[in-house]
PDB file of N, CA and C in Angstrom:
ATOM      1  N   MET A   1       0.885  -1.221  -0.065  1.00  0.00           N
ATOM      2  CA  MET A   1      -0.070   0.158  -0.028  1.00  0.00           C
ATOM      3  C   MET A   1       0.796   1.331  -0.044  1.00  0.00           C
ATOM      4  N   LEU A   2       0.538   2.221  -0.812  1.00  0.00           N
ATOM      5  CA  LEU A   2       1.210   3.452  -0.786  1.00  0.00           C
ATOM      6  C   LEU A   2       0.933   4.485   0.347  1.00  0.00           C
ATOM      7  N   ASP A   3       1.685   5.293   0.480  1.00  0.00           N
ATOM      8  CA  ASP A   3       1.455   6.325   1.625  1.00  0.00           C
ATOM      9  C   ASP A   3       0.121   7.114   1.531  1.00  0.00           C
ATOM     10  N   GLU A   4      -0.147   7.517   0.157  1.00  0.00           N
ATOM     11  CA  GLU A   4      -1.326   8.415   0.008  1.00  0.00           C
ATOM     12  C   GLU A   4      -2.636   7.375   0.312  1.00  0.00           C
ATOM     13  N   HIS A   5      -2.533   6.175   0.428  1.00  0.00           N
ATOM     14  CA  HIS A   5      -3.636   5.379   0.806  1.00  0.00           C
ATOM     15  C   HIS A   5      -3.675   5.112   2.430  1.00  0.00           C
ATOM     16  N   ASP A   6      -2.845   5.645   3.128  1.00  0.00           N
ATOM     17  CA  ASP A   6      -2.743   5.584   4.617  1.00  0.00           C
ATOM     18  C   ASP A   6      -2.882   4.178   4.988  1.00  0.00           C
ATOM     19  N   ALA A   7      -1.678   3.603   4.589  1.00  0.00           N
ATOM     20  CA  ALA A   7      -1.526   2.139   4.813  1.00  0.00           C
ATOM     21  C   ALA A   7      -1.713   1.646   6.386  1.00  0.00           C
ATOM     22  N   VAL A   8      -1.016   2.492   7.215  1.00  0.00           N
ATOM     23  CA  VAL A   8      -1.138   2.209   8.535  1.00  0.00           C
ATOM     24  C   VAL A   8      -2.633   2.388   9.169  1.00  0.00           C
ATOM     25  N   GLY A   9      -3.177   3.395   8.591  1.00  0.00           N
ATOM     26  CA  GLY A   9      -4.692   3.609   8.982  1.00  0.00           C
ATOM     27  C   GLY A   9      -5.549   2.511   8.561  1.00  0.00           C
ATOM     28  N   ILE A  10      -5.265   1.915   7.307  1.00  0.00           N
ATOM     29  CA  ILE A  10      -6.238   0.879   6.826  1.00  0.00           C
ATOM     30  C   ILE A  10      -6.103  -0.290   7.666  1.00  0.00           C
ATOM     31  N   VAL A  11      -4.723  -0.628   8.048  1.00  0.00           N
ATOM     32  CA  VAL A  11      -4.659  -1.724   8.913  1.00  0.00           C
ATOM     33  C   VAL A  11      -5.149  -1.610  10.160  1.00  0.00           C
ATOM     34  N   ARG A  12      -5.034  -0.450  10.791  1.00  0.00           N
ATOM     35  CA  ARG A  12      -5.866  -0.144  12.175  1.00  0.00           C
ATOM     36  C   ARG A  12      -7.247  -0.248  11.932  1.00  0.00           C
ATOM     37  N   GLY A  13      -7.853   0.272  10.808  1.00  0.00           N
ATOM     38  CA  GLY A  13      -9.242   0.205  10.692  1.00  0.00           C
ATOM     39  C   GLY A  13      -9.727  -1.330  10.647  1.00  0.00           C
ATOM     40  N   LEU A  14      -8.909  -2.154  10.137  1.00  0.00           N
ATOM     41  CA  LEU A  14      -9.291  -3.608  10.069  1.00  0.00           C
ATOM     42  C   LEU A  14      -9.166  -4.212  11.443  1.00  0.00           C
ATOM     43  N   LEU A  15      -8.247  -3.650  12.205  1.00  0.00           N
ATOM     44  CA  LEU A  15      -7.934  -4.378  13.518  1.00  0.00           C
ATOM     45  C   LEU A  15      -9.044  -3.746  14.590  1.00  0.00           C
ATOM     46  N   ASP A  16      -9.521  -2.533  14.425  1.00  0.00           N
ATOM     47  CA  ASP A  16     -10.340  -1.865  15.467  1.00  0.00           C
ATOM     48  C   ASP A  16     -11.619  -2.710  15.800  1.00  0.00           C
ATOM     49  N   PRO A  17     -12.395  -3.374  14.838  1.00  0.00           N
ATOM     50  CA  PRO A  17     -13.579  -4.021  15.338  1.00  0.00           C
ATOM     51  C   PRO A  17     -13.207  -5.557  15.886  1.00  0.00           C
ATOM     52  N   LEU A  18     -12.055  -5.910  15.704  1.00  0.00           N
ATOM     53  CA  LEU A  18     -11.627  -7.334  16.079  1.00  0.00           C
ATOM     54  C   LEU A  18     -11.548  -7.383  17.629  1.00  0.00           C
ATOM     55  N   PRO A  19     -11.888  -8.563  18.296  1.00  0.00           N
ATOM     56  CA  PRO A  19     -11.853  -8.610  19.780  1.00  0.00           C
ATOM     57  C   PRO A  19     -10.240  -8.859  20.187  1.00  0.00           C
ATOM     58  N   SER A  20     -10.112  -8.642  21.470  1.00  0.00           N
ATOM     59  CA  SER A  20      -8.816  -8.775  22.135  1.00  0.00           C
ATOM     60  C   SER A  20      -8.366 -10.210  21.882  1.00  0.00           C
ATOM     61  N   GLY A  21      -7.031 -10.456  21.620  1.00  0.00           N
ATOM     62  CA  GLY A  21      -6.611 -11.656  21.338  1.00  0.00           C
ATOM     63  C   GLY A  21      -6.482 -11.866  19.829  1.00  0.00           C
ATOM     64  N   SER A  22      -7.028 -11.268  19.180  1.00  0.00           N
ATOM     65  CA  SER A  22      -6.986 -11.300  17.552  1.00  0.00           C
ATOM     66  C   SER A  22      -5.505 -11.024  17.237  1.00  0.00           C
ATOM     67  N   CYS A  23      -5.126 -11.711  16.131  1.00  0.00           N
ATOM     68  CA  CYS A  23      -3.670 -11.428  15.661  1.00  0.00           C
ATOM     69  C   CYS A  23      -3.645 -10.747  14.206  1.00  0.00           C
ATOM     70  N   LEU A  24      -2.611 -10.102  14.098  1.00  0.00           N
ATOM     71  CA  LEU A  24      -2.058  -9.525  12.640  1.00  0.00           C
ATOM     72  C   LEU A  24      -0.910 -10.177  12.230  1.00  0.00           C
ATOM     73  N   ALA A  25      -0.838 -10.881  11.072  1.00  0.00           N
ATOM     74  CA  ALA A  25       0.199 -11.496  10.503  1.00  0.00           C
ATOM     75  C   ALA A  25       0.519 -10.692   9.367  1.00  0.00           C
ATOM     76  N   MET A  26       1.707 -10.076   9.260  1.00  0.00           N
ATOM     77  CA  MET A  26       1.919  -9.252   8.088  1.00  0.00           C
ATOM     78  C   MET A  26       3.259  -9.177   7.609  1.00  0.00           C
ATOM     79  N   SER A  27       3.557  -9.046   6.311  1.00  0.00           N
ATOM     80  CA  SER A  27       4.995  -8.996   5.663  1.00  0.00           C
ATOM     81  C   SER A  27       4.893  -7.509   5.158  1.00  0.00           C
ATOM     82  N   VAL A  28       6.155  -6.883   5.117  1.00  0.00           N
ATOM     83  CA  VAL A  28       6.252  -5.554   4.686  1.00  0.00           C
ATOM     84  C   VAL A  28       7.494  -5.597   3.780  1.00  0.00           C
ATOM     85  N   GLY A  29       7.549  -5.214   2.430  1.00  0.00           N
ATOM     86  CA  GLY A  29       8.729  -5.034   1.608  1.00  0.00           C
ATOM     87  C   GLY A  29       9.731  -3.963   2.062  1.00  0.00           C
ATOM     88  N   THR A  30      10.965  -4.325   1.904  1.00  0.00           N
ATOM     89  CA  THR A  30      12.039  -3.338   2.373  1.00  0.00           C
ATOM     90  C   THR A  30      13.199  -3.337   1.394  1.00  0.00           C
ATOM     91  N   ALA A  31      13.909  -2.253   1.452  1.00  0.00           N
ATOM     92  CA  ALA A  31      15.299  -2.227   0.661  1.00  0.00           C
ATOM     93  C   ALA A  31      16.267  -2.095   1.610  1.00  0.00           C
ATOM     94  N   ASP A  32      16.141  -2.509   2.920  1.00  0.00           N
ATOM     95  CA  ASP A  32      17.208  -2.188   3.889  1.00  0.00           C
ATOM     96  C   ASP A  32      18.485  -2.890   3.778  1.00  0.00           C
ATOM     97  N   PHE A  33      18.342  -4.108   2.976  1.00  0.00           N
ATOM     98  CA  PHE A  33      19.496  -4.991   2.983  1.00  0.00           C
ATOM     99  C   PHE A  33      20.210  -4.975   1.618  1.00  0.00           C
ATOM    100  N   ALA A  34      19.456  -4.559   0.734  1.00  0.00           N
ATOM    101  CA  ALA A  34      20.148  -4.461  -0.647  1.00  0.00           C
ATOM    102  C   ALA A  34      19.457  -3.318  -1.535  1.00  0.00           C
ATOM    103  N   PRO A  35      19.749  -2.056  -0.963  1.00  0.00           N
ATOM    104  CA  PRO A  35      18.967  -0.941  -1.487  1.00  0.00           C
ATOM    105  C   PRO A  35      19.126  -0.606  -3.006  1.00  0.00           C
ATOM    106  N   ASP A  36      20.324  -0.875  -3.445  1.00  0.00           N
ATOM    107  CA  ASP A  36      20.489  -0.700  -4.951  1.00  0.00           C
ATOM    108  C   ASP A  36      19.623  -1.661  -5.800  1.00  0.00           C
ATOM    109  N   GLU A  37      19.625  -2.954  -5.542  1.00  0.00           N
ATOM    110  CA  GLU A  37      18.986  -3.870  -6.241  1.00  0.00           C
ATOM    111  C   GLU A  37      17.550  -3.819  -6.022  1.00  0.00           C
ATOM    112  N   VAL A  38      17.055  -3.787  -4.816  1.00  0.00           N
ATOM    113  CA  VAL A  38      15.602  -3.673  -4.547  1.00  0.00           C
ATOM    114  C   VAL A  38      14.981  -2.410  -5.054  1.00  0.00           C
ATOM    115  N   GLY A  39      15.760  -1.284  -5.041  1.00  0.00           N
ATOM    116  CA  GLY A  39      15.405   0.006  -5.451  1.00  0.00           C
ATOM    117  C   GLY A  39      15.122  -0.139  -6.996  1.00  0.00           C
ATOM    118  N   ARG A  40      16.019  -0.707  -7.672  1.00  0.00           N
ATOM    119  CA  ARG A  40      15.868  -1.014  -9.096  1.00  0.00           C
ATOM    120  C   ARG A  40      14.633  -1.741  -9.423  1.00  0.00           C
ATOM    121  N   VAL A  41      14.352  -2.755  -8.709  1.00  0.00           N
ATOM    122  CA  VAL A  41      13.359  -3.577  -8.947  1.00  0.00           C
ATOM    123  C   VAL A  41      11.962  -2.615  -8.616  1.00  0.00           C
ATOM    124  N   ALA A  42      12.057  -1.863  -7.675  1.00  0.00           N
ATOM    125  CA  ALA A  42      10.927  -1.060  -7.392  1.00  0.00           C
ATOM    126  C   ALA A  42      10.660  -0.146  -8.547  1.00  0.00           C
ATOM    127  N   ARG A  43      11.756   0.479  -9.080  1.00  0.00           N
ATOM    128  CA  ARG A  43      11.493   1.434 -10.209  1.00  0.00           C
ATOM    129  C   ARG A  43      10.948   0.735 -11.446  1.00  0.00           C
ATOM    130  N   GLU A  44      11.369  -0.577 -11.663  1.00  0.00           N
ATOM    131  CA  GLU A  44      10.809  -1.294 -12.792  1.00  0.00           C
ATOM    132  C   GLU A  44       9.291  -1.443 -12.568  1.00  0.00           C
ATOM    133  N   TYR A  45       8.895  -1.793 -11.349  1.00  0.00           N
ATOM    134  CA  TYR A  45       7.474  -2.061 -11.264  1.00  0.00           C
ATOM    135  C   TYR A  45       6.809  -0.846 -11.489  1.00  0.00           C
ATOM    136  N   ALA A  46       7.280   0.369 -10.929  1.00  0.00           N
ATOM    137  CA  ALA A  46       6.616   1.628 -11.151  1.00  0.00           C
ATOM    138  C   ALA A  46       6.419   1.942 -12.604  1.00  0.00           C
ATOM    139  N   ALA A  47       7.488   1.624 -13.306  1.00  0.00           N
ATOM    140  CA  ALA A  47       7.514   1.992 -14.664  1.00  0.00           C
ATOM    141  C   ALA A  47       6.445   1.293 -15.486  1.00  0.00           C
ATOM    142  N   ARG A  48       6.069   0.173 -14.917  1.00  0.00           N
ATOM    143  CA  ARG A  48       5.045  -0.665 -15.514  1.00  0.00           C
ATOM    144  C   ARG A  48       3.744  -0.532 -14.836  1.00  0.00           C
ATOM    145  N   GLY A  49       3.497   0.499 -14.114  1.00  0.00           N
ATOM    146  CA  GLY A  49       2.201   0.932 -13.440  1.00  0.00           C
ATOM    147  C   GLY A  49       1.797   0.248 -12.185  1.00  0.00           C
ATOM    148  N   MET A  50       2.922  -0.341 -11.509  1.00  0.00           N
ATOM    149  CA  MET A  50       2.614  -1.057 -10.299  1.00  0.00           C
ATOM    150  C   MET A  50       3.507  -0.612  -9.217  1.00  0.00           C
ATOM    151  N   PRO A  51       3.297   0.760  -8.717  1.00  0.00           N
ATOM    152  CA  PRO A  51       4.266   1.304  -7.723  1.00  0.00           C
ATOM    153  C   PRO A  51       4.056   0.448  -6.479  1.00  0.00           C
ATOM    154  N   MET A  52       5.258   0.399  -5.834  1.00  0.00           N
ATOM    155  CA  MET A  52       5.348  -0.137  -4.472  1.00  0.00           C
ATOM    156  C   MET A  52       5.941   0.749  -3.404  1.00  0.00           C
ATOM    157  N   ARG A  53       5.724   0.592  -2.274  1.00  0.00           N
ATOM    158  CA  ARG A  53       6.255   1.322  -1.081  1.00  0.00           C
ATOM    159  C   ARG A  53       7.062   0.397  -0.205  1.00  0.00           C
ATOM    160  N   LEU A  54       8.383   0.666  -0.342  1.00  0.00           N
ATOM    161  CA  LEU A  54       9.451  -0.175   0.529  1.00  0.00           C
ATOM    162  C   LEU A  54       9.490   0.687   1.787  1.00  0.00           C
ATOM    163  N   ARG A  55       9.553  -0.049   3.024  1.00  0.00           N
ATOM    164  CA  ARG A  55       9.541   0.475   4.256  1.00  0.00           C
ATOM    165  C   ARG A  55      10.886   0.029   5.058  1.00  0.00           C
ATOM    166  N   THR A  56      11.502   0.861   5.828  1.00  0.00           N
ATOM    167  CA  THR A  56      12.424   0.613   6.604  1.00  0.00           C
ATOM    168  C   THR A  56      11.919  -0.006   8.016  1.00  0.00           C
ATOM    169  N   LEU A  57      12.843  -0.506   8.639  1.00  0.00           N
ATOM    170  CA  LEU A  57      12.363  -1.234   9.905  1.00  0.00           C
ATOM    171  C   LEU A  57      11.411  -0.474  10.806  1.00  0.00           C
ATOM    172  N   PRO A  58      12.004   0.900  11.156  1.00  0.00           N
ATOM    173  CA  PRO A  58      10.985   1.795  11.899  1.00  0.00           C
ATOM    174  C   PRO A  58       9.617   1.954  11.353  1.00  0.00           C
ATOM    175  N   GLU A  59       9.673   2.247  10.073  1.00  0.00           N
ATOM    176  CA  GLU A  59       8.370   2.455   9.286  1.00  0.00           C
ATOM    177  C   GLU A  59       7.572   1.088   9.333  1.00  0.00           C
ATOM    178  N   ALA A  60       8.097  -0.019   9.162  1.00  0.00           N
ATOM    179  CA  ALA A  60       7.306  -1.340   9.357  1.00  0.00           C
ATOM    180  C   ALA A  60       6.808  -1.404  10.774  1.00  0.00           C
ATOM    181  N   ALA A  61       7.648  -0.915  11.738  1.00  0.00           N
ATOM    182  CA  ALA A  61       7.135  -1.240  13.082  1.00  0.00           C
ATOM    183  C   ALA A  61       5.745  -0.356  13.339  1.00  0.00           C
ATOM    184  N   GLU A  62       5.572   0.697  12.566  1.00  0.00           N
ATOM    185  CA  GLU A  62       4.450   1.568  12.672  1.00  0.00           C
ATOM    186  C   GLU A  62       3.136   0.670  12.593  1.00  0.00           C
ATOM    187  N   PHE A  63       3.107  -0.346  11.833  1.00  0.00           N
ATOM    188  CA  PHE A  63       1.794  -1.046  11.617  1.00  0.00           C
ATOM    189  C   PHE A  63       1.574  -1.872  12.996  1.00  0.00           C
ATOM    190  N   PHE A  64       2.572  -2.027  13.800  1.00  0.00           N
ATOM    191  CA  PHE A  64       2.275  -3.088  14.959  1.00  0.00           C
ATOM    192  C   PHE A  64       2.275  -2.222  16.278  1.00  0.00           C
ATOM    193  N   GLU A  65       2.378  -0.848  16.182  1.00  0.00           N
ATOM    194  CA  GLU A  65       2.079  -0.048  17.566  1.00  0.00           C
ATOM    195  C   GLU A  65       0.829  -0.337  18.177  1.00  0.00           C
ATOM    196  N   GLY A  66       0.969  -0.516  19.554  1.00  0.00           N
ATOM    197  CA  GLY A  66      -0.193  -0.846  20.349  1.00  0.00           C
ATOM    198  C   GLY A  66      -0.531  -2.368  20.357  1.00  0.00           C
ATOM    199  N   LEU A  67       0.139  -3.144  19.624  1.00  0.00           N
ATOM    200  CA  LEU A  67       0.076  -4.611  19.596  1.00  0.00           C
ATOM    201  C   LEU A  67       1.083  -5.290  20.432  1.00  0.00           C
ATOM    202  N   ASP A  68       0.823  -6.487  20.846  1.00  0.00           N
ATOM    203  CA  ASP A  68       1.940  -7.326  21.560  1.00  0.00           C
ATOM    204  C   ASP A  68       2.582  -8.185  20.487  1.00  0.00           C
ATOM    205  N   LEU A  69       3.833  -7.769  20.068  1.00  0.00           N
ATOM    206  CA  LEU A  69       4.653  -8.727  19.162  1.00  0.00           C
ATOM    207  C   LEU A  69       4.718 -10.125  19.700  1.00  0.00           C
ATOM    208  N   VAL A  70       4.678 -11.120  18.788  1.00  0.00           N
ATOM    209  CA  VAL A  70       5.050 -12.578  19.139  1.00  0.00           C
ATOM    210  C   VAL A  70       6.386 -12.529  18.903  1.00  0.00           C
ATOM    211  N   GLU A  71       7.253 -13.361  19.853  1.00  0.00           N
ATOM    212  CA  GLU A  71       8.714 -13.593  19.555  1.00  0.00           C
ATOM    213  C   GLU A  71       9.030 -14.110  18.258  1.00  0.00           C
ATOM    214  N   PRO A  72       9.874 -13.805  17.490  1.00  0.00           N
ATOM    215  CA  PRO A  72      11.073 -12.897  17.788  1.00  0.00           C
ATOM    216  C   PRO A  72      10.796 -11.337  17.392  1.00  0.00           C
ATOM    217  N   GLY A  73       9.446 -11.098  17.227  1.00  0.00           N
ATOM    218  CA  GLY A  73       9.264  -9.569  16.953  1.00  0.00           C
ATOM    219  C   GLY A  73       9.244  -9.337  15.308  1.00  0.00           C
ATOM    220  N   ILE A  74       9.596  -8.166  14.918  1.00  0.00           N
ATOM    221  CA  ILE A  74       9.665  -7.955  13.560  1.00  0.00           C
ATOM    222  C   ILE A  74      11.060  -8.292  13.022  1.00  0.00           C
ATOM    223  N   ALA A  75      11.309  -9.195  11.935  1.00  0.00           N
ATOM    224  CA  ALA A  75      12.423  -9.829  11.444  1.00  0.00           C
ATOM    225  C   ALA A  75      12.335  -9.950   9.946  1.00  0.00           C
ATOM    226  N   GLN A  76      13.365 -10.137   9.339  1.00  0.00           N
ATOM    227  CA  GLN A  76      13.354 -10.742   7.869  1.00  0.00           C
ATOM    228  C   GLN A  76      12.647 -12.040   8.030  1.00  0.00           C
ATOM    229  N   VAL A  77      11.868 -12.239   6.919  1.00  0.00           N
ATOM    230  CA  VAL A  77      10.935 -13.421   7.003  1.00  0.00           C
ATOM    231  C   VAL A  77      11.687 -14.733   7.231  1.00  0.00           C
ATOM    232  N   HIS A  78      12.992 -14.853   6.535  1.00  0.00           N
ATOM    233  CA  HIS A  78      13.624 -16.135   6.735  1.00  0.00           C
ATOM    234  C   HIS A  78      14.337 -16.344   8.005  1.00  0.00           C
ATOM    235  N   LYS A  79      14.248 -15.279   8.964  1.00  0.00           N
ATOM    236  CA  LYS A  79      14.811 -15.328  10.198  1.00  0.00           C
ATOM    237  C   LYS A  79      13.698 -15.363  11.249  1.00  0.00           C
ATOM    238  N   TRP A  80      12.483 -15.197  10.847  1.00  0.00           N
ATOM    239  CA  TRP A  80      11.463 -15.147  11.864  1.00  0.00           C
ATOM    240  C   TRP A  80      11.203 -16.276  12.726  1.00  0.00           C
ATOM    241  N   ARG A  81      11.147 -17.539  12.212  1.00  0.00           N
ATOM    242  CA  ARG A  81      11.231 -18.694  13.100  1.00  0.00           C
ATOM    243  C   ARG A  81      12.106 -19.714  12.425  1.00  0.00           C
ATOM    244  N   PRO A  82      13.579 -19.442  12.574  1.00  0.00           N
ATOM    245  CA  PRO A  82      14.444 -20.234  11.685  1.00  0.00           C
ATOM    246  C   PRO A  82      14.695 -21.677  12.126  1.00  0.00           C
ATOM    247  N   ASN A  83      14.108 -22.095  13.287  1.00  0.00           N
ATOM    248  CA  ASN A  83      14.336 -23.467  13.809  1.00  0.00           C
ATOM    249  C   ASN A  83      13.330 -24.337  13.309  1.00  0.00           C
ATOM    250  N   ARG A  84      13.698 -25.568  12.957  1.00  0.00           N
ATOM    251  CA  ARG A  84      12.709 -26.745  12.541  1.00  0.00           C
ATOM    252  C   ARG A  84      11.959 -27.186  13.778  1.00  0.00           C
ATOM    253  N   THR A  85      10.974 -27.914  13.549  1.00  0.00           N
ATOM    254  CA  THR A  85      10.340 -28.407  14.597  1.00  0.00           C
ATOM    255  C   THR A  85      11.136 -29.438  15.500  1.00  0.00           C
ATOM    256  N   ASP A  86      12.050 -29.995  14.907  1.00  0.00           N
ATOM    257  CA  ASP A  86      13.041 -30.899  15.682  1.00  0.00           C
ATOM    258  C   ASP A  86      14.047 -30.246  16.479  1.00  0.00           C
ATOM    259  N   GLY A  87      13.956 -28.834  16.452  1.00  0.00           N
ATOM    260  CA  GLY A  87      14.888 -27.961  17.300  1.00  0.00           C
ATOM    261  C   GLY A  87      16.306 -27.761  16.531  1.00  0.00           C
ATOM    262  N   THR A  88      16.463 -28.253  15.401  1.00  0.00           N
ATOM    263  CA  THR A  88      17.734 -27.800  14.588  1.00  0.00           C
ATOM    264  C   THR A  88      17.427 -26.636  13.803  1.00  0.00           C
ATOM    265  N   GLU A  89      18.556 -25.929  13.499  1.00  0.00           N
ATOM    266  CA  GLU A  89      18.394 -24.604  12.635  1.00  0.00           C
ATOM    267  C   GLU A  89      18.461 -24.997  11.262  1.00  0.00           C
ATOM    268  N   ASN A  90      17.815 -24.027  10.472  1.00  0.00           N
ATOM    269  CA  ASN A  90      17.956 -24.073   9.067  1.00  0.00           C
ATOM    270  C   ASN A  90      19.183 -23.386   8.529  1.00  0.00           C
ATOM    271  N   SER A  91      20.226 -23.370   9.312  1.00  0.00           N
ATOM    272  CA  SER A  91      21.456 -22.586   8.867  1.00  0.00           C
ATOM    273  C   SER A  91      22.077 -23.044   7.611  1.00  0.00           C
ATOM    274  N   GLY A  92      21.734 -24.158   7.183  1.00  0.00           N
ATOM    275  CA  GLY A  92      22.531 -24.714   5.893  1.00  0.00           C
ATOM    276  C   GLY A  92      21.781 -24.321   4.679  1.00  0.00           C
ATOM    277  N   LEU A  93      20.735 -23.523   4.649  1.00  0.00           N
ATOM    278  CA  LEU A  93      20.036 -23.174   3.564  1.00  0.00           C
ATOM    279  C   LEU A  93      20.740 -22.042   2.635  1.00  0.00           C
ATOM    280  N   GLY A  94      21.692 -21.364   3.069  1.00  0.00           N
ATOM    281  CA  GLY A  94      22.518 -20.504   2.317  1.00  0.00           C
ATOM    282  C   GLY A  94      21.699 -19.185   1.930  1.00  0.00           C
ATOM    283  N   ILE A  95      20.741 -18.868   2.697  1.00  0.00           N
ATOM    284  CA  ILE A  95      19.927 -17.631   2.320  1.00  0.00           C
ATOM    285  C   ILE A  95      20.767 -16.516   2.875  1.00  0.00           C
ATOM    286  N   ARG A  96      20.924 -15.568   2.082  1.00  0.00           N
ATOM    287  CA  ARG A  96      21.691 -14.307   2.440  1.00  0.00           C
ATOM    288  C   ARG A  96      20.664 -13.118   2.863  1.00  0.00           C
ATOM    289  N   ASP A  97      20.868 -12.345   3.714  1.00  0.00           N
ATOM    290  CA  ASP A  97      19.988 -11.220   4.037  1.00  0.00           C
ATOM    291  C   ASP A  97      19.610 -10.389   2.878  1.00  0.00           C
ATOM    292  N   GLU A  98      20.719 -10.013   1.984  1.00  0.00           N
ATOM    293  CA  GLU A  98      20.374  -9.208   0.942  1.00  0.00           C
ATOM    294  C   GLU A  98      19.490  -9.908  -0.231  1.00  0.00           C
ATOM    295  N   ASP A  99      19.202 -11.253   0.060  1.00  0.00           N
ATOM    296  CA  ASP A  99      18.276 -11.833  -0.952  1.00  0.00           C
ATOM    297  C   ASP A  99      16.821 -11.859  -0.536  1.00  0.00           C
ATOM    298  N   ILE A 100      16.533 -11.377   0.700  1.00  0.00           N
ATOM    299  CA  ILE A 100      15.249 -11.273   1.247  1.00  0.00           C
ATOM    300  C   ILE A 100      14.824  -9.813   1.436  1.00  0.00           C
ATOM    301  N   ALA A 101      13.897  -9.332   0.722  1.00  0.00           N
ATOM    302  CA  ALA A 101      13.558  -7.920   0.806  1.00  0.00           C
ATOM    303  C   ALA A 101      12.231  -7.774   1.605  1.00  0.00           C
ATOM    304  N   MET A 102      12.199  -8.340   2.583  1.00  0.00           N
ATOM    305  CA  MET A 102      10.832  -8.404   3.425  1.00  0.00           C
ATOM    306  C   MET A 102      11.026  -8.673   4.792  1.00  0.00           C
ATOM    307  N   TYR A 103      10.267  -7.894   5.622  1.00  0.00           N
ATOM    308  CA  TYR A 103      10.204  -8.000   7.127  1.00  0.00           C
ATOM    309  C   TYR A 103       8.786  -8.712   7.389  1.00  0.00           C
ATOM    310  N   GLY A 104       8.833  -9.512   8.429  1.00  0.00           N
ATOM    311  CA  GLY A 104       7.512 -10.213   8.757  1.00  0.00           C
ATOM    312  C   GLY A 104       7.340 -10.127  10.261  1.00  0.00           C
ATOM    313  N   ALA A 105       6.135 -10.256  10.768  1.00  0.00           N
ATOM    314  CA  ALA A 105       5.851 -10.314  12.170  1.00  0.00           C
ATOM    315  C   ALA A 105       4.283 -10.817  12.375  1.00  0.00           C
ATOM    316  N   VAL A 106       4.228 -11.323  13.660  1.00  0.00           N
ATOM    317  CA  VAL A 106       2.886 -11.537  14.083  1.00  0.00           C
ATOM    318  C   VAL A 106       2.720 -10.837  15.450  1.00  0.00           C
ATOM    319  N   ALA A 107       1.459 -10.317  15.567  1.00  0.00           N
ATOM    320  CA  ALA A 107       1.235  -9.500  16.908  1.00  0.00           C
ATOM    321  C   ALA A 107      -0.140  -9.655  17.262  1.00  0.00           C
ATOM    322  N   ARG A 108      -0.415  -9.679  18.490  1.00  0.00           N
ATOM    323  CA  ARG A 108      -1.750  -9.893  19.199  1.00  0.00           C
ATOM    324  C   ARG A 108      -2.316  -8.614  19.657  1.00  0.00           C
ATOM    325  N   LYS A 109      -3.672  -8.458  19.400  1.00  0.00           N
ATOM    326  CA  LYS A 109      -4.272  -7.259  19.934  1.00  0.00           C
ATOM    327  C   LYS A 109      -4.617  -7.455  21.426  1.00  0.00           C
ATOM    328  N   PRO A 110      -4.034  -6.537  22.241  1.00  0.00           N
ATOM    329  CA  PRO A 110      -4.371  -6.766  23.752  1.00  0.00           C
ATOM    330  C   PRO A 110      -5.690  -6.704  24.074  1.00  0.00           C
TER     331      PRO A 110
END
């Protein structure tokens, strides 16, 4: 969602009528880890009529203000829950931070 659409306001409007204990699961595009490459992709999308709004970590955090973040909080999506169900890490996947242009989080409404 673009800024002129009041993305944070839209999300808050969706959360307002929900009861306490409801959750927001959300991912947010970012150029924090590869600004040149991701910026180029964003310009290509915009040139084809599909603008996107990439957000920094503090900007992504605005969507979760007033909610209780589930651990580990806001993180790159490949790091959000990196452990397998058997307790071992997915460290051998070879995913680099600069390859993942997205933050993700889950938060509960108090």
